[in-house]
Amino acid sequence: MASLAVIGVALADDIVSIQLPPDAKQFGPGPGQALAQANCTVCHAADYVYMQPPLTKAQWTAEVTKMKTAYGATIPDDAVDPLIAYLVGQNGKP
């Protein structure tokens, strides 16, 4: 643990900057677009939603639940259902 603390202190004075490539895809228009933009892109680009195979409503529900519980996404509870509906509309299957 002591070596980790020393590394942390040594890096504290270094300034590192990176330039990310532009997103290849933006969230498509529709009800819930702003929810997706505000909540999903905090952690990943919109591209990741569209790179997935189309998911059912149950599968999108599981994904959004995983993002909240496993990854700590701060999606408000009252935004979950509208967000899932949007994701199904953008990249869903029956």
Protein backbone atom coordinates (compact mmCIF):
# COMPACT_ATOMS: atom_id res chain seq x y z
CA MET A 1 0.00 0.00 0.00
CA ALA A 2 2.83 2.41 0.74
CA SER A 3 4.13 2.16 -2.81
CA LEU A 4 0.66 2.98 -4.15
CA ALA A 5 0.52 6.11 -2.03
CA VAL A 6 3.91 7.24 -3.30
CA ILE A 7 2.86 6.70 -6.90
CA GLY A 8 -0.33 8.65 -6.28
CA VAL A 9 1.62 11.58 -4.86
CA ALA A 10 4.15 11.51 -7.69
CA LEU A 11 1.42 11.62 -10.31
CA ALA A 12 -0.59 14.31 -8.55
CA ASP A 13 1.65 17.04 -9.99
CA ASP A 14 1.62 15.67 -13.54
CA ILE A 15 -0.97 17.04 -15.93
CA VAL A 16 -2.15 14.59 -18.52
CA SER A 17 -4.49 15.44 -21.34
CA ILE A 18 -5.95 13.31 -24.06
CA GLN A 19 -8.04 14.06 -27.10
CA LEU A 20 -10.79 11.57 -27.78
CA PRO A 21 -11.92 10.91 -31.32
CA PRO A 22 -15.30 12.34 -32.27
CA ASP A 23 -18.31 10.11 -31.78
CA ALA A 24 -19.16 8.24 -34.95
CA LYS A 25 -22.88 8.28 -34.19
CA GLN A 26 -25.21 10.48 -32.17
CA PHE A 27 -28.43 9.40 -30.50
CA GLY A 28 -31.28 9.52 -33.00
CA PRO A 29 -34.24 11.84 -32.62
CA GLY A 30 -37.23 10.79 -30.58
CA PRO A 31 -38.79 10.94 -27.15
CA GLY A 32 -36.04 10.05 -24.70
CA GLN A 33 -33.13 11.31 -26.79
CA ALA A 34 -32.21 13.87 -24.13
CA LEU A 35 -32.40 11.17 -21.42
CA ALA A 36 -30.01 8.96 -23.35
CA GLN A 37 -27.66 11.85 -24.05
CA ALA A 38 -27.65 12.95 -20.41
CA ASN A 39 -27.36 9.50 -18.83
CA CYS A 40 -25.64 7.14 -21.24
CA THR A 41 -22.88 9.35 -22.60
CA VAL A 42 -21.57 10.02 -19.11
CA CYS A 43 -19.79 6.67 -19.45
CA HIS A 44 -19.80 5.72 -23.13
CA ALA A 45 -20.47 7.04 -26.59
CA ALA A 46 -23.79 6.62 -28.33
CA ASP A 47 -22.00 4.30 -30.75
CA TYR A 48 -22.13 1.51 -28.16
CA VAL A 49 -25.93 1.47 -28.21
CA TYR A 50 -25.98 1.04 -31.97
CA MET A 51 -23.12 -1.48 -32.09
CA GLN A 52 -25.17 -3.94 -30.04
CA PRO A 53 -27.44 -6.39 -31.78
CA PRO A 54 -31.06 -5.23 -31.49
CA LEU A 55 -32.32 -6.05 -28.00
CA THR A 56 -35.81 -6.80 -26.73
CA LYS A 57 -37.46 -4.61 -24.11
CA ALA A 58 -36.54 -7.21 -21.46
CA GLN A 59 -32.91 -7.18 -22.60
CA TRP A 60 -32.72 -3.36 -22.61
CA THR A 61 -34.29 -3.39 -19.13
CA ALA A 62 -31.55 -5.76 -17.97
CA GLU A 63 -28.87 -3.54 -19.56
CA VAL A 64 -30.16 -0.35 -17.94
CA THR A 65 -30.53 -2.14 -14.60
CA LYS A 66 -26.94 -3.42 -14.91
CA MET A 67 -25.70 0.10 -15.67
CA LYS A 68 -27.37 1.37 -12.50
CA THR A 69 -26.51 -1.47 -10.12
CA ALA A 70 -23.17 -2.79 -11.35
CA TYR A 71 -21.65 0.37 -12.84
CA GLY A 72 -23.25 3.03 -10.67
CA ALA A 73 -25.07 4.96 -13.39
CA THR A 74 -27.07 7.73 -11.74
CA ILE A 75 -30.16 7.32 -13.91
CA PRO A 76 -33.14 8.63 -11.93
CA ASP A 77 -35.74 5.94 -11.21
CA ASP A 78 -38.45 7.92 -13.00
CA ALA A 79 -36.27 8.08 -16.14
CA VAL A 80 -35.68 4.32 -16.44
CA ASP A 81 -38.89 3.38 -18.30
CA PRO A 82 -38.73 6.29 -20.78
CA LEU A 83 -35.05 5.55 -21.39
CA ILE A 84 -35.76 1.87 -22.05
CA ALA A 85 -38.58 2.81 -24.43
CA TYR A 86 -36.20 5.11 -26.30
CA LEU A 87 -33.48 2.43 -26.53
CA VAL A 88 -35.98 -0.12 -27.82
CA GLY A 89 -37.13 2.42 -30.40
CA GLN A 90 -33.56 3.10 -31.48
CA ASN A 91 -32.12 -0.40 -31.47
CA GLY A 92 -34.75 -2.88 -30.39
CA LYS A 93 -36.54 -5.94 -31.57
CA PRO A 94 -39.94 -7.43 -30.69
